Amino acid sequence: MIWRDVRVASAIMILMSEQDAAIANLKQKLDDHYRWPASYPFKFIVRREQVPEVLGLFPGENFSEKPSANGKYTGLTLEKIMQSSDDVLAVYEKVKVVPGLMAL
């Protein structure tokens, strides 16, 4: 039984290190592409009924909304002046609470 627990813990650690590497890679790409501060376009796709949940995470911000052809999903775009790649990553971290949200 202990070996199974060790294998599970090892698998979790590998996934966490892969996530850390992906975040570091995105941060590097952002820093290579942008000169901070910069305008950054956040694009999200959510189910229509989740739009208020996403908008509630960003009070006072102006989103553009575009419904999908069948009306089941909505594309949300927020153009925001960001001070650094860390600020961009913080926004993506913030929207993780919305189940099924797709960030583009």
N, C-alpha and C. Protein backbone atom coordinates (compact mmCIF):
# COMPACT_ATOMS: atom_id res chain seq x y z
N MET A 1 0.81 -1.19 0.00
CA MET A 1 0.00 0.00 0.00
C MET A 1 0.86 1.26 0.00
N ILE A 2 1.95 1.24 0.74
CA ILE A 2 2.81 2.42 0.80
C ILE A 2 3.42 2.74 -0.57
N TRP A 3 3.75 1.70 -1.37
CA TRP A 3 4.32 1.94 -2.69
C TRP A 3 3.33 2.66 -3.59
N ARG A 4 2.05 2.29 -3.46
CA ARG A 4 1.03 2.96 -4.25
C ARG A 4 0.96 4.44 -3.88
N ASP A 5 1.01 4.74 -2.59
CA ASP A 5 0.98 6.12 -2.15
C ASP A 5 2.19 6.90 -2.67
N VAL A 6 3.34 6.27 -2.67
CA VAL A 6 4.55 6.90 -3.18
C VAL A 6 4.41 7.18 -4.67
N ARG A 7 3.86 6.21 -5.43
CA ARG A 7 3.67 6.40 -6.87
C ARG A 7 2.70 7.54 -7.14
N VAL A 8 1.62 7.60 -6.38
CA VAL A 8 0.65 8.68 -6.56
C VAL A 8 1.30 10.02 -6.24
N ALA A 9 2.03 10.09 -5.15
CA ALA A 9 2.71 11.34 -4.78
C ALA A 9 3.72 11.74 -5.85
N SER A 10 4.43 10.77 -6.40
CA SER A 10 5.40 11.06 -7.46
C SER A 10 4.70 11.59 -8.70
N ALA A 11 3.58 10.99 -9.05
CA ALA A 11 2.82 11.45 -10.23
C ALA A 11 2.33 12.88 -10.03
N ILE A 12 1.87 13.19 -8.83
CA ILE A 12 1.41 14.56 -8.54
C ILE A 12 2.56 15.54 -8.65
N MET A 13 3.71 15.17 -8.12
CA MET A 13 4.89 16.06 -8.20
C MET A 13 5.31 16.30 -9.64
N ILE A 14 5.25 15.27 -10.47
CA ILE A 14 5.60 15.41 -11.89
C ILE A 14 4.64 16.37 -12.57
N LEU A 15 3.33 16.20 -12.31
CA LEU A 15 2.34 17.10 -12.90
C LEU A 15 2.56 18.54 -12.45
N MET A 16 2.86 18.72 -11.17
CA MET A 16 3.10 20.07 -10.65
C MET A 16 4.33 20.69 -11.30
N SER A 17 5.39 19.91 -11.48
CA SER A 17 6.60 20.47 -12.09
C SER A 17 6.36 20.77 -13.57
N GLU A 18 5.52 19.97 -14.25
CA GLU A 18 5.17 20.27 -15.64
C GLU A 18 4.37 21.55 -15.73
N GLN A 19 3.45 21.76 -14.78
CA GLN A 19 2.68 23.00 -14.73
C GLN A 19 3.60 24.19 -14.50
N ASP A 20 4.52 24.06 -13.56
CA ASP A 20 5.47 25.13 -13.28
C ASP A 20 6.29 25.47 -14.52
N ALA A 21 6.71 24.45 -15.25
CA ALA A 21 7.49 24.66 -16.47
C ALA A 21 6.65 25.37 -17.52
N ALA A 22 5.38 24.99 -17.65
CA ALA A 22 4.50 25.63 -18.63
C ALA A 22 4.28 27.10 -18.29
N ILE A 23 4.11 27.38 -17.01
CA ILE A 23 3.92 28.77 -16.58
C ILE A 23 5.18 29.59 -16.83
N ALA A 24 6.34 29.02 -16.51
CA ALA A 24 7.61 29.71 -16.75
C ALA A 24 7.80 29.95 -18.25
N ASN A 25 7.41 28.99 -19.06
CA ASN A 25 7.52 29.13 -20.52
C ASN A 25 6.61 30.26 -21.02
N LEU A 26 5.37 30.30 -20.54
CA LEU A 26 4.46 31.37 -20.94
C LEU A 26 4.99 32.72 -20.49
N LYS A 27 5.50 32.81 -19.26
CA LYS A 27 6.06 34.06 -18.76
C LYS A 27 7.20 34.54 -19.65
N GLN A 28 8.07 33.62 -20.05
CA GLN A 28 9.19 33.99 -20.91
C GLN A 28 8.70 34.49 -22.26
N LYS A 29 7.71 33.81 -22.83
CA LYS A 29 7.16 34.23 -24.13
C LYS A 29 6.51 35.61 -24.03
N LEU A 30 5.79 35.85 -22.94
CA LEU A 30 5.19 37.17 -22.75
C LEU A 30 6.26 38.25 -22.66
N ASP A 31 7.30 37.98 -21.89
CA ASP A 31 8.38 38.97 -21.74
C ASP A 31 9.15 39.18 -23.03
N ASP A 32 9.25 38.14 -23.84
CA ASP A 32 9.93 38.29 -25.13
C ASP A 32 9.10 39.10 -26.13
N HIS A 33 7.78 38.99 -26.03
CA HIS A 33 6.89 39.60 -27.02
C HIS A 33 6.43 41.01 -26.65
N TYR A 34 6.30 41.31 -25.37
CA TYR A 34 5.75 42.59 -24.91
C TYR A 34 6.81 43.43 -24.21
N ARG A 35 6.63 44.74 -24.31
CA ARG A 35 7.40 45.69 -23.51
C ARG A 35 6.42 46.26 -22.49
N TRP A 36 6.67 46.01 -21.24
CA TRP A 36 5.74 46.40 -20.18
C TRP A 36 5.97 47.84 -19.75
N PRO A 37 4.91 48.56 -19.42
CA PRO A 37 3.50 48.20 -19.49
C PRO A 37 3.03 48.09 -20.94
N ALA A 38 2.01 47.25 -21.13
CA ALA A 38 1.49 47.00 -22.47
C ALA A 38 0.01 46.64 -22.42
N SER A 39 -0.65 46.88 -23.52
CA SER A 39 -2.05 46.46 -23.66
C SER A 39 -2.05 44.97 -23.98
N TYR A 40 -2.81 44.21 -23.22
CA TYR A 40 -2.85 42.76 -23.42
C TYR A 40 -4.30 42.32 -23.62
N PRO A 41 -4.56 41.54 -24.69
CA PRO A 41 -5.93 41.08 -24.94
C PRO A 41 -6.21 39.73 -24.27
N PHE A 42 -7.10 39.72 -23.32
CA PHE A 42 -7.54 38.47 -22.69
C PHE A 42 -8.77 38.00 -23.44
N LYS A 43 -8.77 36.74 -23.84
CA LYS A 43 -9.91 36.17 -24.54
C LYS A 43 -10.32 34.88 -23.84
N PHE A 44 -11.62 34.83 -23.51
CA PHE A 44 -12.16 33.68 -22.80
C PHE A 44 -13.42 33.20 -23.52
N ILE A 45 -13.65 31.91 -23.45
CA ILE A 45 -14.90 31.33 -23.94
C ILE A 45 -15.54 30.60 -22.77
N VAL A 46 -16.81 30.93 -22.52
CA VAL A 46 -17.55 30.31 -21.42
C VAL A 46 -18.96 29.98 -21.89
N ARG A 47 -19.61 29.10 -21.13
CA ARG A 47 -21.03 28.86 -21.38
C ARG A 47 -21.79 30.16 -21.10
N ARG A 48 -22.83 30.38 -21.87
CA ARG A 48 -23.60 31.63 -21.78
C ARG A 48 -23.97 31.97 -20.34
N GLU A 49 -24.39 30.99 -19.56
CA GLU A 49 -24.83 31.26 -18.19
C GLU A 49 -23.68 31.60 -17.25
N GLN A 50 -22.44 31.44 -17.68
CA GLN A 50 -21.28 31.75 -16.83
C GLN A 50 -20.75 33.17 -17.05
N VAL A 51 -21.30 33.88 -18.02
CA VAL A 51 -20.82 35.24 -18.32
C VAL A 51 -20.85 36.13 -17.07
N PRO A 52 -21.96 36.16 -16.31
CA PRO A 52 -21.95 37.02 -15.11
C PRO A 52 -20.86 36.66 -14.10
N GLU A 53 -20.55 35.37 -14.01
CA GLU A 53 -19.49 34.94 -13.08
C GLU A 53 -18.14 35.52 -13.48
N VAL A 54 -17.84 35.48 -14.77
CA VAL A 54 -16.57 36.02 -15.26
C VAL A 54 -16.55 37.54 -15.09
N LEU A 55 -17.63 38.21 -15.50
CA LEU A 55 -17.68 39.67 -15.39
C LEU A 55 -17.55 40.10 -13.93
N GLY A 56 -18.09 39.30 -13.01
CA GLY A 56 -18.01 39.61 -11.59
C GLY A 56 -16.59 39.57 -11.04
N LEU A 57 -15.70 38.87 -11.72
CA LEU A 57 -14.30 38.82 -11.29
C LEU A 57 -13.55 40.11 -11.64
N PHE A 58 -14.14 40.91 -12.54
CA PHE A 58 -13.48 42.12 -13.03
C PHE A 58 -14.44 43.31 -12.97
N PRO A 59 -14.85 43.72 -11.77
CA PRO A 59 -15.81 44.82 -11.68
C PRO A 59 -15.26 46.10 -12.33
N GLY A 60 -16.12 46.76 -13.09
CA GLY A 60 -15.73 48.02 -13.72
C GLY A 60 -14.97 47.87 -15.02
N GLU A 61 -14.61 46.66 -15.41
CA GLU A 61 -13.89 46.46 -16.67
C GLU A 61 -14.88 46.31 -17.82
N ASN A 62 -14.48 46.75 -19.00
CA ASN A 62 -15.34 46.67 -20.18
C ASN A 62 -14.94 45.49 -21.05
N PHE A 63 -15.80 44.52 -21.11
CA PHE A 63 -15.60 43.34 -21.95
C PHE A 63 -16.41 43.50 -23.23
N SER A 64 -15.89 42.97 -24.32
CA SER A 64 -16.74 42.80 -25.49
C SER A 64 -17.22 41.35 -25.46
N GLU A 65 -18.46 41.15 -25.89
CA GLU A 65 -19.06 39.82 -25.86
C GLU A 65 -19.49 39.43 -27.26
N LYS A 66 -19.27 38.15 -27.58
CA LYS A 66 -19.70 37.64 -28.87
C LYS A 66 -20.29 36.24 -28.65
N PRO A 67 -21.60 36.08 -28.88
CA PRO A 67 -22.20 34.76 -28.70
C PRO A 67 -21.79 33.81 -29.82
N SER A 68 -21.75 32.53 -29.49
CA SER A 68 -21.47 31.53 -30.52
C SER A 68 -22.68 31.41 -31.45
N ALA A 69 -22.50 30.74 -32.57
CA ALA A 69 -23.57 30.61 -33.56
C ALA A 69 -24.82 29.97 -32.97
N ASN A 70 -24.64 28.99 -32.09
CA ASN A 70 -25.80 28.33 -31.49
C ASN A 70 -26.25 28.97 -30.18
N GLY A 71 -25.52 29.98 -29.71
CA GLY A 71 -25.88 30.69 -28.50
C GLY A 71 -25.53 29.99 -27.21
N LYS A 72 -24.89 28.84 -27.29
CA LYS A 72 -24.54 28.09 -26.09
C LYS A 72 -23.33 28.69 -25.36
N TYR A 73 -22.42 29.28 -26.11
CA TYR A 73 -21.18 29.84 -25.55
C TYR A 73 -21.09 31.33 -25.87
N THR A 74 -20.27 32.01 -25.09
CA THR A 74 -20.00 33.42 -25.33
C THR A 74 -18.50 33.64 -25.29
N GLY A 75 -17.99 34.37 -26.26
CA GLY A 75 -16.60 34.78 -26.27
C GLY A 75 -16.50 36.13 -25.58
N LEU A 76 -15.59 36.24 -24.64
CA LEU A 76 -15.37 37.49 -23.90
C LEU A 76 -13.96 37.98 -24.17
N THR A 77 -13.84 39.26 -24.48
CA THR A 77 -12.53 39.85 -24.71
C THR A 77 -12.38 41.06 -23.79
N LEU A 78 -11.25 41.13 -23.14
CA LEU A 78 -10.90 42.24 -22.27
C LEU A 78 -9.52 42.73 -22.70
N GLU A 79 -9.44 43.97 -23.12
CA GLU A 79 -8.15 44.59 -23.45
C GLU A 79 -7.76 45.42 -22.24
N LYS A 80 -6.61 45.09 -21.65
CA LYS A 80 -6.23 45.71 -20.38
C LYS A 80 -4.74 46.07 -20.40
N ILE A 81 -4.42 47.23 -19.85
CA ILE A 81 -3.02 47.63 -19.71
C ILE A 81 -2.43 46.85 -18.53
N MET A 82 -1.41 46.07 -18.83
CA MET A 82 -0.77 45.26 -17.81
C MET A 82 0.64 45.80 -17.56
N GLN A 83 1.08 45.69 -16.32
CA GLN A 83 2.39 46.21 -15.95
C GLN A 83 3.52 45.21 -16.13
N SER A 84 3.18 43.91 -16.16
CA SER A 84 4.21 42.88 -16.28
C SER A 84 3.58 41.55 -16.66
N SER A 85 4.42 40.60 -17.02
CA SER A 85 3.94 39.25 -17.32
C SER A 85 3.34 38.61 -16.07
N ASP A 86 3.85 38.96 -14.90
CA ASP A 86 3.28 38.43 -13.66
C ASP A 86 1.83 38.88 -13.49
N ASP A 87 1.53 40.11 -13.89
CA ASP A 87 0.16 40.60 -13.82
C ASP A 87 -0.75 39.84 -14.77
N VAL A 88 -0.24 39.51 -15.95
CA VAL A 88 -1.01 38.72 -16.92
C VAL A 88 -1.30 37.34 -16.33
N LEU A 89 -0.28 36.71 -15.79
CA LEU A 89 -0.46 35.38 -15.20
C LEU A 89 -1.44 35.42 -14.03
N ALA A 90 -1.45 36.51 -13.28
CA ALA A 90 -2.38 36.64 -12.15
C ALA A 90 -3.83 36.66 -12.64
N VAL A 91 -4.07 37.27 -13.79
CA VAL A 91 -5.44 37.29 -14.35
C VAL A 91 -5.85 35.87 -14.73
N TYR A 92 -4.96 35.14 -15.39
CA TYR A 92 -5.28 33.76 -15.75
C TYR A 92 -5.52 32.91 -14.51
N GLU A 93 -4.76 33.17 -13.46
CA GLU A 93 -4.96 32.44 -12.20
C GLU A 93 -6.33 32.78 -11.61
N LYS A 94 -6.71 34.03 -11.72
CA LYS A 94 -7.99 34.50 -11.18
C LYS A 94 -9.18 33.80 -11.83
N VAL A 95 -9.12 33.60 -13.15
CA VAL A 95 -10.28 33.02 -13.86
C VAL A 95 -10.34 31.50 -13.74
N LYS A 96 -9.33 30.88 -13.13
CA LYS A 96 -9.34 29.42 -12.94
C LYS A 96 -10.54 28.95 -12.13
N VAL A 97 -11.14 29.84 -11.36
CA VAL A 97 -12.26 29.44 -10.52
C VAL A 97 -13.54 29.17 -11.32
N VAL A 98 -13.56 29.58 -12.59
CA VAL A 98 -14.74 29.39 -13.42
C VAL A 98 -14.62 28.04 -14.12
N PRO A 99 -15.47 27.08 -13.75
CA PRO A 99 -15.37 25.73 -14.35
C PRO A 99 -15.63 25.77 -15.85
N GLY A 100 -14.78 25.09 -16.59
CA GLY A 100 -14.97 24.97 -18.04
C GLY A 100 -14.54 26.17 -18.85
N LEU A 101 -14.06 27.23 -18.21
CA LEU A 101 -13.61 28.40 -18.94
C LEU A 101 -12.43 28.03 -19.83
N MET A 102 -12.47 28.50 -21.07
CA MET A 102 -11.35 28.30 -21.99
C MET A 102 -10.68 29.64 -22.20
N ALA A 103 -9.39 29.71 -21.94
CA ALA A 103 -8.61 30.93 -22.15
C ALA A 103 -7.83 30.75 -23.44
N LEU A 104 -7.91 31.75 -24.30
CA LEU A 104 -7.19 31.68 -25.57
C LEU A 104 -5.97 32.57 -25.54
